[in-house]
Amino acid sequence: MTTDPSSATATAEAVRTGVTGALETLDAAFDRVDDLNPSLRAFTTLLRADGRAAGAAVDARTREARARLPLAGVPLAIKSTVTLDNPVVAPLLAAGAVPVGVTAAPQLCTWGMTDSDAHGITRNPRDTALSAGGSSGGSAAAVASGMVPLAVGDDGMGSLRIPAAACGIVTIKPGPGVVPTRLSGDNWGGLAESGPLARTVGDVALALSVMAGRPELASIG
């Protein structure tokens, strides 16, 4: 069931250099979502208008301006606990990422699996008989299936790490204060942090550097 689109790093390089366009990469991502999401239930809402507006804005830039976008044209999934103007998402969009949709989370984000009465069970792309983990299971399934190369999730007591392990992808819980975010309630007593999910360590490092506003974090050498 998994597909193998380009990594976030490779996608951004292709868009920056004009090999492909942001709208072209976005349309390919929507095609994968239309094909895979009915069985995986990773996304609850698609942001087609927002995504196309963001993609068109990237494509309208000069080549020199696109060259300054670390995530030019990278399709992005966003967990339902945050919004497009959240301090953890806004820097990714400013860096050229294009939003694809909102991903599933369990009710109240209290479980290590992702299912709800409203959206059903989010399945693991590696084996649909298994759980995608939780609570960022929708984001993890979206990345592991190849629907998108990059996603945002959050983690109080394992909500990034559990689904990443279950789906065989990469994530990081950044540490207190590294990544600005705005989450509901008391952020699990201050334990909850937002972070990236991707299929490679390099993509996670790149996304983390953008989220944190610290370019040096993109280096994994």
N, C-alpha and C. Protein backbone atom coordinates (compact mmCIF):
# COMPACT_ATOMS: atom_id res chain seq x y z
N MET A 1 0.82 -1.20 0.00
CA MET A 1 0.00 0.00 0.00
C MET A 1 0.86 1.26 0.00
N THR A 2 2.10 1.17 0.45
CA THR A 2 2.92 2.37 0.49
C THR A 2 3.38 2.76 -0.91
N THR A 3 3.54 4.06 -1.10
CA THR A 3 4.11 4.59 -2.33
C THR A 3 5.44 5.24 -1.96
N ASP A 4 6.16 5.73 -2.95
CA ASP A 4 7.50 6.24 -2.66
C ASP A 4 7.73 7.56 -3.36
N PRO A 5 7.01 8.62 -2.98
CA PRO A 5 7.28 9.93 -3.54
C PRO A 5 8.59 10.47 -2.99
N SER A 6 9.04 11.56 -3.52
CA SER A 6 10.30 12.14 -3.09
C SER A 6 10.24 12.56 -1.63
N SER A 7 11.40 12.61 -1.01
CA SER A 7 11.51 13.12 0.34
C SER A 7 11.19 14.62 0.35
N ALA A 8 11.00 15.18 1.54
CA ALA A 8 10.78 16.61 1.65
C ALA A 8 11.98 17.38 1.11
N THR A 9 13.17 16.90 1.44
CA THR A 9 14.39 17.57 0.99
C THR A 9 14.50 17.57 -0.53
N ALA A 10 14.25 16.42 -1.15
CA ALA A 10 14.33 16.32 -2.60
C ALA A 10 13.22 17.11 -3.28
N THR A 11 12.03 17.09 -2.72
CA THR A 11 10.92 17.85 -3.28
C THR A 11 11.23 19.34 -3.28
N ALA A 12 11.71 19.84 -2.15
CA ALA A 12 12.03 21.26 -2.06
C ALA A 12 13.11 21.66 -3.06
N GLU A 13 14.12 20.81 -3.23
CA GLU A 13 15.18 21.12 -4.18
C GLU A 13 14.63 21.16 -5.60
N ALA A 14 13.75 20.24 -5.94
CA ALA A 14 13.16 20.22 -7.28
C ALA A 14 12.33 21.47 -7.55
N VAL A 15 11.59 21.93 -6.55
CA VAL A 15 10.76 23.13 -6.72
C VAL A 15 11.64 24.37 -6.76
N ARG A 16 12.64 24.44 -5.91
CA ARG A 16 13.53 25.60 -5.90
C ARG A 16 14.22 25.79 -7.24
N THR A 17 14.61 24.70 -7.88
CA THR A 17 15.36 24.79 -9.13
C THR A 17 14.48 24.79 -10.36
N GLY A 18 13.17 24.68 -10.18
CA GLY A 18 12.25 24.73 -11.30
C GLY A 18 12.06 23.43 -12.04
N VAL A 19 12.59 22.34 -11.50
CA VAL A 19 12.39 21.03 -12.12
C VAL A 19 10.91 20.66 -12.10
N THR A 20 10.23 21.03 -11.04
CA THR A 20 8.79 20.83 -10.92
C THR A 20 8.21 22.04 -10.22
N GLY A 21 6.90 22.13 -10.16
CA GLY A 21 6.24 23.24 -9.51
C GLY A 21 5.55 22.82 -8.23
N ALA A 22 5.31 23.78 -7.36
CA ALA A 22 4.64 23.48 -6.10
C ALA A 22 3.23 22.94 -6.33
N LEU A 23 2.51 23.51 -7.28
CA LEU A 23 1.16 23.02 -7.56
C LEU A 23 1.20 21.61 -8.14
N GLU A 24 2.22 21.31 -8.90
CA GLU A 24 2.35 19.97 -9.45
C GLU A 24 2.58 18.95 -8.34
N THR A 25 3.45 19.27 -7.39
CA THR A 25 3.68 18.35 -6.28
C THR A 25 2.44 18.23 -5.40
N LEU A 26 1.71 19.34 -5.25
CA LEU A 26 0.48 19.30 -4.45
C LEU A 26 -0.57 18.42 -5.10
N ASP A 27 -0.76 18.57 -6.40
CA ASP A 27 -1.75 17.75 -7.10
C ASP A 27 -1.40 16.27 -7.01
N ALA A 28 -0.11 15.94 -7.08
CA ALA A 28 0.30 14.54 -6.95
C ALA A 28 -0.02 14.03 -5.55
N ALA A 29 0.18 14.89 -4.55
CA ALA A 29 -0.14 14.49 -3.17
C ALA A 29 -1.64 14.25 -3.02
N PHE A 30 -2.47 15.13 -3.58
CA PHE A 30 -3.91 14.94 -3.50
C PHE A 30 -4.34 13.66 -4.21
N ASP A 31 -3.68 13.33 -5.31
CA ASP A 31 -3.99 12.07 -6.00
C ASP A 31 -3.71 10.87 -5.09
N ARG A 32 -2.57 10.93 -4.37
CA ARG A 32 -2.24 9.82 -3.46
C ARG A 32 -3.24 9.76 -2.31
N VAL A 33 -3.65 10.92 -1.80
CA VAL A 33 -4.65 10.95 -0.73
C VAL A 33 -5.97 10.36 -1.21
N ASP A 34 -6.40 10.78 -2.38
CA ASP A 34 -7.66 10.27 -2.92
C ASP A 34 -7.62 8.75 -3.08
N ASP A 35 -6.45 8.21 -3.39
CA ASP A 35 -6.30 6.78 -3.59
C ASP A 35 -6.23 6.01 -2.28
N LEU A 36 -5.46 6.53 -1.32
CA LEU A 36 -5.13 5.76 -0.12
C LEU A 36 -5.96 6.10 1.11
N ASN A 37 -6.42 7.34 1.22
CA ASN A 37 -7.07 7.73 2.46
C ASN A 37 -8.37 7.00 2.77
N PRO A 38 -9.17 6.62 1.78
CA PRO A 38 -10.41 5.91 2.13
C PRO A 38 -10.18 4.65 2.95
N SER A 39 -9.05 3.98 2.74
CA SER A 39 -8.78 2.76 3.51
C SER A 39 -7.97 3.03 4.77
N LEU A 40 -7.16 4.10 4.76
CA LEU A 40 -6.30 4.38 5.92
C LEU A 40 -6.93 5.34 6.93
N ARG A 41 -7.76 6.24 6.47
CA ARG A 41 -8.41 7.24 7.33
C ARG A 41 -7.37 8.06 8.10
N ALA A 42 -6.35 8.50 7.39
CA ALA A 42 -5.33 9.35 8.01
C ALA A 42 -5.80 10.79 8.08
N PHE A 43 -6.44 11.26 7.01
CA PHE A 43 -6.93 12.65 6.94
C PHE A 43 -8.41 12.71 7.28
N THR A 44 -8.78 13.75 8.02
CA THR A 44 -10.20 14.00 8.29
C THR A 44 -10.74 15.12 7.42
N THR A 45 -9.86 16.04 7.02
CA THR A 45 -10.26 17.20 6.21
C THR A 45 -9.14 17.51 5.22
N LEU A 46 -9.49 17.75 3.97
CA LEU A 46 -8.50 18.19 2.99
C LEU A 46 -8.58 19.70 2.82
N LEU A 47 -7.43 20.32 2.72
CA LEU A 47 -7.33 21.78 2.62
C LEU A 47 -6.98 22.16 1.18
N ARG A 48 -7.84 21.80 0.26
CA ARG A 48 -7.53 21.99 -1.16
C ARG A 48 -7.36 23.48 -1.50
N ALA A 49 -8.25 24.33 -1.01
CA ALA A 49 -8.15 25.76 -1.35
C ALA A 49 -6.90 26.38 -0.72
N ASP A 50 -6.66 26.08 0.56
CA ASP A 50 -5.48 26.63 1.23
C ASP A 50 -4.20 26.11 0.57
N GLY A 51 -4.20 24.82 0.22
CA GLY A 51 -3.02 24.24 -0.40
C GLY A 51 -2.74 24.86 -1.76
N ARG A 52 -3.77 25.04 -2.56
CA ARG A 52 -3.56 25.60 -3.90
C ARG A 52 -3.13 27.06 -3.81
N ALA A 53 -3.66 27.79 -2.85
CA ALA A 53 -3.22 29.18 -2.68
C ALA A 53 -1.76 29.25 -2.28
N ALA A 54 -1.35 28.37 -1.38
CA ALA A 54 0.05 28.34 -0.95
C ALA A 54 0.96 27.89 -2.08
N GLY A 55 0.54 26.87 -2.82
CA GLY A 55 1.34 26.39 -3.93
C GLY A 55 1.49 27.44 -5.03
N ALA A 56 0.40 28.14 -5.33
CA ALA A 56 0.45 29.18 -6.35
C ALA A 56 1.39 30.32 -5.92
N ALA A 57 1.38 30.62 -4.63
CA ALA A 57 2.27 31.68 -4.12
C ALA A 57 3.74 31.28 -4.27
N VAL A 58 4.05 30.01 -4.03
CA VAL A 58 5.43 29.54 -4.21
C VAL A 58 5.81 29.61 -5.69
N ASP A 59 4.93 29.13 -6.55
CA ASP A 59 5.22 29.11 -7.99
C ASP A 59 5.35 30.52 -8.57
N ALA A 60 4.68 31.50 -7.95
CA ALA A 60 4.73 32.87 -8.47
C ALA A 60 6.03 33.58 -8.11
N ARG A 61 6.80 33.03 -7.18
CA ARG A 61 8.06 33.66 -6.80
C ARG A 61 9.10 33.52 -7.92
N THR A 62 10.02 34.44 -7.92
CA THR A 62 11.15 34.30 -8.84
C THR A 62 12.01 33.12 -8.39
N ARG A 63 12.84 32.64 -9.30
CA ARG A 63 13.72 31.53 -8.95
C ARG A 63 14.63 31.91 -7.78
N GLU A 64 15.06 33.15 -7.76
CA GLU A 64 15.93 33.61 -6.66
C GLU A 64 15.18 33.59 -5.33
N ALA A 65 13.90 33.98 -5.35
CA ALA A 65 13.11 33.97 -4.12
C ALA A 65 12.81 32.54 -3.68
N ARG A 66 12.50 31.66 -4.64
CA ARG A 66 12.25 30.25 -4.29
C ARG A 66 13.50 29.61 -3.69
N ALA A 67 14.64 30.03 -4.15
CA ALA A 67 15.90 29.44 -3.65
C ALA A 67 16.10 29.68 -2.17
N ARG A 68 15.37 30.63 -1.61
CA ARG A 68 15.50 30.93 -0.18
C ARG A 68 14.45 30.18 0.66
N LEU A 69 13.67 29.31 0.04
CA LEU A 69 12.62 28.58 0.76
C LEU A 69 13.10 27.17 1.09
N PRO A 70 13.37 26.86 2.35
CA PRO A 70 13.88 25.53 2.70
C PRO A 70 12.90 24.40 2.39
N LEU A 71 11.59 24.71 2.38
CA LEU A 71 10.57 23.68 2.17
C LEU A 71 9.70 23.98 0.96
N ALA A 72 10.31 24.56 -0.07
CA ALA A 72 9.55 24.99 -1.24
C ALA A 72 8.70 23.85 -1.82
N GLY A 73 7.37 24.04 -1.79
CA GLY A 73 6.46 23.10 -2.42
C GLY A 73 6.29 21.76 -1.72
N VAL A 74 6.75 21.63 -0.49
CA VAL A 74 6.65 20.35 0.21
C VAL A 74 5.23 20.14 0.75
N PRO A 75 4.52 19.09 0.33
CA PRO A 75 3.19 18.82 0.86
C PRO A 75 3.25 18.49 2.35
N LEU A 76 2.36 19.10 3.11
CA LEU A 76 2.40 19.03 4.58
C LEU A 76 1.05 18.58 5.14
N ALA A 77 1.08 17.62 6.06
CA ALA A 77 -0.10 17.21 6.82
C ALA A 77 -0.04 17.83 8.21
N ILE A 78 -1.19 18.19 8.74
CA ILE A 78 -1.25 18.93 10.00
C ILE A 78 -2.23 18.25 10.95
N LYS A 79 -1.76 17.89 12.13
CA LYS A 79 -2.61 17.24 13.12
C LYS A 79 -3.76 18.17 13.55
N SER A 80 -4.88 17.59 13.87
CA SER A 80 -6.08 18.37 14.18
C SER A 80 -5.96 19.20 15.44
N THR A 81 -4.91 19.02 16.21
CA THR A 81 -4.72 19.80 17.44
C THR A 81 -4.16 21.18 17.19
N VAL A 82 -3.69 21.45 15.97
CA VAL A 82 -3.15 22.77 15.65
C VAL A 82 -3.82 23.32 14.40
N THR A 83 -3.61 24.62 14.14
CA THR A 83 -4.22 25.29 13.00
C THR A 83 -3.13 25.91 12.13
N LEU A 84 -3.54 26.42 10.97
CA LEU A 84 -2.56 26.97 10.03
C LEU A 84 -1.80 28.16 10.60
N ASP A 85 -2.43 28.89 11.53
CA ASP A 85 -1.74 30.06 12.10
C ASP A 85 -1.03 29.74 13.41
N ASN A 86 -0.99 28.46 13.78
CA ASN A 86 -0.27 28.07 14.99
C ASN A 86 1.21 28.39 14.84
N PRO A 87 1.89 28.81 15.91
CA PRO A 87 3.31 29.14 15.79
C PRO A 87 4.19 27.99 15.35
N VAL A 88 3.70 26.74 15.42
CA VAL A 88 4.50 25.62 14.94
C VAL A 88 4.28 25.37 13.45
N VAL A 89 3.13 25.77 12.93
CA VAL A 89 2.82 25.54 11.51
C VAL A 89 3.21 26.74 10.66
N ALA A 90 2.98 27.94 11.15
CA ALA A 90 3.23 29.15 10.35
C ALA A 90 4.65 29.21 9.79
N PRO A 91 5.70 28.86 10.54
CA PRO A 91 7.04 28.91 9.95
C PRO A 91 7.23 27.92 8.81
N LEU A 92 6.58 26.77 8.88
CA LEU A 92 6.67 25.79 7.80
C LEU A 92 6.05 26.33 6.52
N LEU A 93 4.90 27.00 6.67
CA LEU A 93 4.25 27.59 5.49
C LEU A 93 5.09 28.74 4.95
N ALA A 94 5.66 29.54 5.84
CA ALA A 94 6.52 30.65 5.40
C ALA A 94 7.75 30.13 4.67
N ALA A 95 8.18 28.90 5.01
CA ALA A 95 9.34 28.29 4.36
C ALA A 95 8.98 27.60 3.05
N GLY A 96 7.70 27.70 2.64
CA GLY A 96 7.29 27.17 1.35
C GLY A 96 6.48 25.90 1.37
N ALA A 97 6.25 25.30 2.53
CA ALA A 97 5.43 24.09 2.59
C ALA A 97 3.99 24.41 2.19
N VAL A 98 3.30 23.43 1.62
CA VAL A 98 1.93 23.64 1.17
C VAL A 98 1.02 22.66 1.93
N PRO A 99 -0.02 23.17 2.60
CA PRO A 99 -0.87 22.30 3.42
C PRO A 99 -1.77 21.42 2.56
N VAL A 100 -1.83 20.14 2.92
CA VAL A 100 -2.66 19.17 2.22
C VAL A 100 -3.94 18.89 2.98
N GLY A 101 -3.84 18.72 4.30
CA GLY A 101 -5.03 18.41 5.06
C GLY A 101 -4.77 18.25 6.53
N VAL A 102 -5.87 18.05 7.26
CA VAL A 102 -5.87 17.87 8.70
C VAL A 102 -5.94 16.38 9.00
N THR A 103 -5.10 15.92 9.92
CA THR A 103 -5.02 14.48 10.19
C THR A 103 -5.76 14.09 11.46
N ALA A 104 -6.11 12.82 11.51
CA ALA A 104 -6.93 12.28 12.58
C ALA A 104 -6.17 12.15 13.89
N ALA A 105 -6.90 12.29 14.97
CA ALA A 105 -6.39 12.05 16.32
C ALA A 105 -7.54 11.44 17.13
N PRO A 106 -7.23 10.65 18.16
CA PRO A 106 -8.30 10.09 18.99
C PRO A 106 -8.97 11.18 19.82
N GLN A 107 -10.17 10.91 20.25
CA GLN A 107 -10.89 11.87 21.07
C GLN A 107 -10.08 12.23 22.31
N LEU A 108 -9.91 13.52 22.54
CA LEU A 108 -9.14 14.07 23.67
C LEU A 108 -7.65 13.73 23.61
N CYS A 109 -7.22 13.07 22.56
CA CYS A 109 -5.80 12.72 22.38
C CYS A 109 -5.24 11.95 23.58
N THR A 110 -6.04 11.05 24.11
CA THR A 110 -5.62 10.36 25.33
C THR A 110 -5.21 8.92 25.11
N TRP A 111 -5.23 8.43 23.86
CA TRP A 111 -4.99 7.01 23.63
C TRP A 111 -3.76 6.79 22.74
N GLY A 112 -3.17 5.61 22.89
CA GLY A 112 -2.03 5.24 22.06
C GLY A 112 -2.44 4.61 20.76
N MET A 113 -3.66 4.88 20.31
CA MET A 113 -4.13 4.49 18.99
C MET A 113 -4.98 5.64 18.48
N THR A 114 -5.34 5.62 17.21
CA THR A 114 -6.09 6.74 16.64
C THR A 114 -7.40 6.24 16.07
N ASP A 115 -8.46 6.41 16.84
CA ASP A 115 -9.80 6.09 16.35
C ASP A 115 -10.80 6.96 17.08
N SER A 116 -11.92 7.19 16.45
CA SER A 116 -12.98 8.00 17.04
C SER A 116 -14.30 7.63 16.39
N ASP A 117 -15.37 7.97 17.06
CA ASP A 117 -16.70 7.73 16.50
C ASP A 117 -16.89 8.55 15.23
N ALA A 118 -16.30 9.73 15.18
CA ALA A 118 -16.52 10.63 14.05
C ALA A 118 -15.77 10.18 12.79
N HIS A 119 -14.55 9.66 12.96
CA HIS A 119 -13.70 9.39 11.79
C HIS A 119 -13.27 7.94 11.64
N GLY A 120 -13.69 7.08 12.53
CA GLY A 120 -13.35 5.67 12.41
C GLY A 120 -11.92 5.37 12.86
N ILE A 121 -11.39 4.25 12.40
CA ILE A 121 -10.08 3.77 12.82
C ILE A 121 -9.02 4.14 11.78
N THR A 122 -7.95 4.80 12.23
CA THR A 122 -6.82 5.08 11.35
C THR A 122 -5.94 3.84 11.29
N ARG A 123 -5.71 3.33 10.08
CA ARG A 123 -4.99 2.07 9.88
C ARG A 123 -3.50 2.31 9.64
N ASN A 124 -2.71 1.31 9.96
CA ASN A 124 -1.27 1.36 9.76
C ASN A 124 -0.95 1.01 8.31
N PRO A 125 -0.27 1.88 7.56
CA PRO A 125 0.04 1.57 6.16
C PRO A 125 0.92 0.34 5.98
N ARG A 126 1.71 -0.01 7.01
CA ARG A 126 2.56 -1.20 6.90
C ARG A 126 1.75 -2.48 6.95
N ASP A 127 0.64 -2.44 7.66
CA ASP A 127 -0.25 -3.59 7.79
C ASP A 127 -1.58 -3.06 8.29
N THR A 128 -2.58 -3.02 7.43
CA THR A 128 -3.84 -2.38 7.80
C THR A 128 -4.61 -3.13 8.87
N ALA A 129 -4.14 -4.30 9.27
CA ALA A 129 -4.75 -4.99 10.40
C ALA A 129 -4.24 -4.43 11.72
N LEU A 130 -3.20 -3.59 11.66
CA LEU A 130 -2.56 -3.06 12.86
C LEU A 130 -2.89 -1.58 13.07
N SER A 131 -2.68 -1.12 14.30
CA SER A 131 -2.90 0.27 14.64
C SER A 131 -1.78 1.15 14.11
N ALA A 132 -2.13 2.39 13.77
CA ALA A 132 -1.12 3.39 13.42
C ALA A 132 -0.54 4.05 14.65
N GLY A 133 -1.00 3.65 15.83
CA GLY A 133 -0.54 4.30 17.06
C GLY A 133 -1.25 5.63 17.27
N GLY A 134 -0.89 6.31 18.35
CA GLY A 134 -1.54 7.58 18.63
C GLY A 134 -0.77 8.37 19.66
N SER A 135 -1.14 9.60 19.85
CA SER A 135 -2.34 10.16 19.24
C SER A 135 -2.11 10.82 17.88
N SER A 136 -0.86 10.96 17.45
CA SER A 136 -0.59 11.55 16.13
C SER A 136 -0.61 10.48 15.05
N GLY A 137 -1.52 9.52 15.18
CA GLY A 137 -1.57 8.41 14.25
C GLY A 137 -1.95 8.80 12.84
N GLY A 138 -2.82 9.81 12.69
CA GLY A 138 -3.18 10.26 11.36
C GLY A 138 -1.99 10.85 10.63
N SER A 139 -1.21 11.66 11.33
CA SER A 139 -0.01 12.25 10.72
C SER A 139 1.00 11.18 10.36
N ALA A 140 1.19 10.21 11.25
CA ALA A 140 2.15 9.13 10.98
C ALA A 140 1.71 8.29 9.79
N ALA A 141 0.43 7.96 9.71
CA ALA A 141 -0.08 7.16 8.59
C ALA A 141 0.03 7.92 7.28
N ALA A 142 -0.21 9.23 7.32
CA ALA A 142 -0.10 10.03 6.10
C ALA A 142 1.32 10.02 5.56
N VAL A 143 2.30 10.06 6.45
CA VAL A 143 3.71 10.05 6.03
C VAL A 143 4.15 8.65 5.63
N ALA A 144 3.84 7.65 6.45
CA ALA A 144 4.30 6.29 6.18
C ALA A 144 3.73 5.74 4.89
N SER A 145 2.53 6.14 4.53
CA SER A 145 1.89 5.67 3.31
C SER A 145 2.42 6.35 2.07
N GLY A 146 3.15 7.46 2.25
CA GLY A 146 3.63 8.22 1.11
C GLY A 146 2.67 9.27 0.61
N MET A 147 1.56 9.49 1.32
CA MET A 147 0.64 10.53 0.89
C MET A 147 1.31 11.89 0.92
N VAL A 148 2.09 12.13 1.97
CA VAL A 148 2.88 13.36 2.10
C VAL A 148 4.26 12.99 2.66
N PRO A 149 5.28 13.82 2.41
CA PRO A 149 6.59 13.53 2.96
C PRO A 149 6.82 14.10 4.36
N LEU A 150 5.92 14.97 4.81
CA LEU A 150 6.15 15.69 6.07
C LEU A 150 4.82 15.95 6.77
N ALA A 151 4.83 15.82 8.10
CA ALA A 151 3.62 16.09 8.87
C ALA A 151 3.99 16.70 10.22
N VAL A 152 3.01 17.37 10.80
CA VAL A 152 3.12 17.93 12.15
C VAL A 152 2.29 17.09 13.09
N GLY A 153 2.83 16.81 14.26
CA GLY A 153 2.09 16.16 15.34
C GLY A 153 2.47 16.80 16.64
N ASP A 154 1.98 16.24 17.73
CA ASP A 154 2.42 16.71 19.04
C ASP A 154 2.48 15.53 20.00
N ASP A 155 3.13 15.75 21.13
CA ASP A 155 3.52 14.65 22.01
C ASP A 155 3.56 15.12 23.45
N GLY A 156 2.66 14.53 24.27
CA GLY A 156 2.73 14.75 25.70
C GLY A 156 3.34 13.54 26.39
N MET A 157 2.78 12.36 26.10
CA MET A 157 3.27 11.13 26.72
C MET A 157 3.55 10.05 25.68
N GLY A 158 4.06 10.49 24.51
CA GLY A 158 4.41 9.53 23.47
C GLY A 158 3.64 9.68 22.19
N SER A 159 2.87 10.75 22.04
CA SER A 159 1.95 10.88 20.91
C SER A 159 2.63 11.10 19.56
N LEU A 160 3.90 11.47 19.54
CA LEU A 160 4.70 11.44 18.31
C LEU A 160 5.45 10.12 18.21
N ARG A 161 6.05 9.72 19.31
CA ARG A 161 6.98 8.59 19.30
C ARG A 161 6.27 7.25 19.09
N ILE A 162 5.10 7.09 19.68
CA ILE A 162 4.37 5.82 19.53
C ILE A 162 3.96 5.59 18.08
N PRO A 163 3.29 6.54 17.40
CA PRO A 163 2.91 6.28 16.02
C PRO A 163 4.10 6.21 15.06
N ALA A 164 5.15 6.97 15.33
CA ALA A 164 6.34 6.87 14.48
C ALA A 164 6.93 5.47 14.55
N ALA A 165 7.02 4.93 15.76
CA ALA A 165 7.54 3.56 15.92
C ALA A 165 6.60 2.54 15.28
N ALA A 166 5.31 2.71 15.47
CA ALA A 166 4.35 1.76 14.92
C ALA A 166 4.38 1.75 13.39
N CYS A 167 4.58 2.92 12.78
CA CYS A 167 4.52 3.04 11.33
C CYS A 167 5.89 3.01 10.66
N GLY A 168 6.95 2.91 11.44
CA GLY A 168 8.28 2.78 10.88
C GLY A 168 8.82 4.04 10.24
N ILE A 169 8.53 5.19 10.86
CA ILE A 169 9.05 6.46 10.34
C ILE A 169 9.85 7.17 11.44
N VAL A 170 10.20 8.42 11.20
CA VAL A 170 11.11 9.16 12.08
C VAL A 170 10.39 10.35 12.69
N THR A 171 10.69 10.65 13.95
CA THR A 171 10.16 11.85 14.59
C THR A 171 11.12 12.30 15.68
N ILE A 172 10.77 13.40 16.33
CA ILE A 172 11.51 13.86 17.50
C ILE A 172 10.57 14.66 18.37
N LYS A 173 10.65 14.43 19.67
CA LYS A 173 10.02 15.33 20.63
C LYS A 173 11.10 16.36 20.97
N PRO A 174 10.93 17.60 20.55
CA PRO A 174 12.06 18.51 20.51
C PRO A 174 12.67 18.88 21.85
N GLY A 175 11.89 18.89 22.92
CA GLY A 175 12.40 19.36 24.21
C GLY A 175 11.74 20.68 24.57
N PRO A 176 11.63 20.96 25.86
CA PRO A 176 10.91 22.16 26.29
C PRO A 176 11.48 23.44 25.69
N GLY A 177 10.58 24.23 25.08
CA GLY A 177 10.96 25.54 24.58
C GLY A 177 11.67 25.56 23.25
N VAL A 178 11.96 24.40 22.66
CA VAL A 178 12.68 24.40 21.39
C VAL A 178 11.78 24.86 20.25
N VAL A 179 10.56 24.38 20.23
CA VAL A 179 9.61 24.70 19.16
C VAL A 179 8.41 25.42 19.76
N PRO A 180 8.14 26.65 19.33
CA PRO A 180 6.94 27.33 19.84
C PRO A 180 5.67 26.67 19.31
N THR A 181 4.69 26.53 20.17
CA THR A 181 3.42 25.94 19.73
C THR A 181 2.31 26.47 20.61
N ARG A 182 1.09 26.21 20.19
CA ARG A 182 -0.08 26.60 20.96
C ARG A 182 -1.04 25.43 20.97
N LEU A 183 -1.13 24.76 22.13
CA LEU A 183 -2.00 23.59 22.27
C LEU A 183 -3.05 23.88 23.32
N SER A 184 -4.15 23.13 23.27
CA SER A 184 -5.27 23.42 24.15
C SER A 184 -4.98 23.00 25.58
N GLY A 185 -5.76 23.54 26.48
CA GLY A 185 -5.64 23.17 27.89
C GLY A 185 -4.30 23.58 28.47
N ASP A 186 -3.77 22.71 29.33
CA ASP A 186 -2.50 23.04 29.99
C ASP A 186 -1.33 22.29 29.36
N ASN A 187 -1.51 21.84 28.10
CA ASN A 187 -0.45 21.09 27.42
C ASN A 187 0.03 19.90 28.24
N TRP A 188 -0.93 19.17 28.80
CA TRP A 188 -0.58 18.01 29.62
C TRP A 188 0.42 18.39 30.72
N GLY A 189 0.06 19.46 31.43
CA GLY A 189 0.93 19.91 32.51
C GLY A 189 2.27 20.42 32.01
N GLY A 190 2.29 20.93 30.77
CA GLY A 190 3.53 21.43 30.19
C GLY A 190 4.35 20.36 29.50
N LEU A 191 3.86 19.12 29.45
CA LEU A 191 4.62 18.03 28.82
C LEU A 191 4.49 18.02 27.31
N ALA A 192 3.40 18.58 26.77
CA ALA A 192 3.12 18.44 25.34
C ALA A 192 3.98 19.40 24.52
N GLU A 193 4.55 18.86 23.45
CA GLU A 193 5.34 19.64 22.50
C GLU A 193 4.95 19.22 21.09
N SER A 194 5.07 20.13 20.16
CA SER A 194 4.82 19.81 18.75
C SER A 194 6.13 19.47 18.06
N GLY A 195 6.02 18.61 17.04
CA GLY A 195 7.23 18.21 16.32
C GLY A 195 6.90 17.62 14.97
N PRO A 196 7.92 17.35 14.16
CA PRO A 196 7.73 16.84 12.80
C PRO A 196 7.76 15.32 12.73
N LEU A 197 7.12 14.78 11.71
CA LEU A 197 7.23 13.37 11.35
C LEU A 197 7.59 13.29 9.88
N ALA A 198 8.51 12.39 9.54
CA ALA A 198 8.95 12.22 8.16
C ALA A 198 9.51 10.81 8.01
N ARG A 199 9.93 10.48 6.78
CA ARG A 199 10.46 9.15 6.54
C ARG A 199 11.98 9.08 6.67
N THR A 200 12.64 10.24 6.76
CA THR A 200 14.10 10.25 6.90
C THR A 200 14.53 11.17 8.03
N VAL A 201 15.69 10.88 8.59
CA VAL A 201 16.25 11.72 9.65
C VAL A 201 16.54 13.12 9.09
N GLY A 202 17.04 13.19 7.86
CA GLY A 202 17.34 14.48 7.26
C GLY A 202 16.11 15.37 7.13
N ASP A 203 14.97 14.78 6.75
CA ASP A 203 13.74 15.56 6.63
C ASP A 203 13.26 16.05 7.99
N VAL A 204 13.37 15.21 9.01
CA VAL A 204 12.97 15.63 10.36
C VAL A 204 13.87 16.76 10.84
N ALA A 205 15.17 16.65 10.60
CA ALA A 205 16.10 17.70 11.02
C ALA A 205 15.79 19.01 10.30
N LEU A 206 15.51 18.94 9.00
CA LEU A 206 15.17 20.14 8.24
C LEU A 206 13.91 20.79 8.78
N ALA A 207 12.86 20.00 8.99
CA ALA A 207 11.61 20.55 9.50
C ALA A 207 11.78 21.13 10.89
N LEU A 208 12.52 20.44 11.73
CA LEU A 208 12.75 20.94 13.08
C LEU A 208 13.48 22.29 13.04
N SER A 209 14.44 22.43 12.15
CA SER A 209 15.19 23.69 12.06
C SER A 209 14.27 24.84 11.69
N VAL A 210 13.30 24.57 10.82
CA VAL A 210 12.35 25.60 10.42
C VAL A 210 11.38 25.92 11.55
N MET A 211 10.84 24.88 12.19
CA MET A 211 9.91 25.08 13.29
C MET A 211 10.54 25.89 14.42
N ALA A 212 11.78 25.60 14.71
CA ALA A 212 12.47 26.24 15.84
C ALA A 212 13.11 27.56 15.46
N GLY A 213 13.19 27.86 14.16
CA GLY A 213 13.87 29.07 13.73
C GLY A 213 15.37 29.00 13.97
N ARG A 214 15.93 27.79 13.88
CA ARG A 214 17.35 27.58 14.14
C ARG A 214 17.94 26.76 12.98
N PRO A 215 18.45 27.42 11.94
CA PRO A 215 18.93 26.72 10.75
C PRO A 215 19.99 25.67 11.05
N GLU A 216 20.77 25.87 12.13
CA GLU A 216 21.84 24.92 12.41
C GLU A 216 21.31 23.52 12.76
N LEU A 217 20.05 23.43 13.16
CA LEU A 217 19.47 22.13 13.51
C LEU A 217 19.25 21.25 12.29
N ALA A 218 19.32 21.82 11.10
CA ALA A 218 19.14 21.03 9.88
C ALA A 218 20.34 20.13 9.61
N SER A 219 21.46 20.41 10.24
CA SER A 219 22.66 19.60 10.02
C SER A 219 22.59 18.34 10.85
N ILE A 220 22.81 17.19 10.18
CA ILE A 220 22.80 15.91 10.91
C ILE A 220 24.19 15.28 10.86
N GLY A 221 25.18 16.06 10.41
CA GLY A 221 26.55 15.55 10.33
C GLY A 221 27.25 15.54 11.68
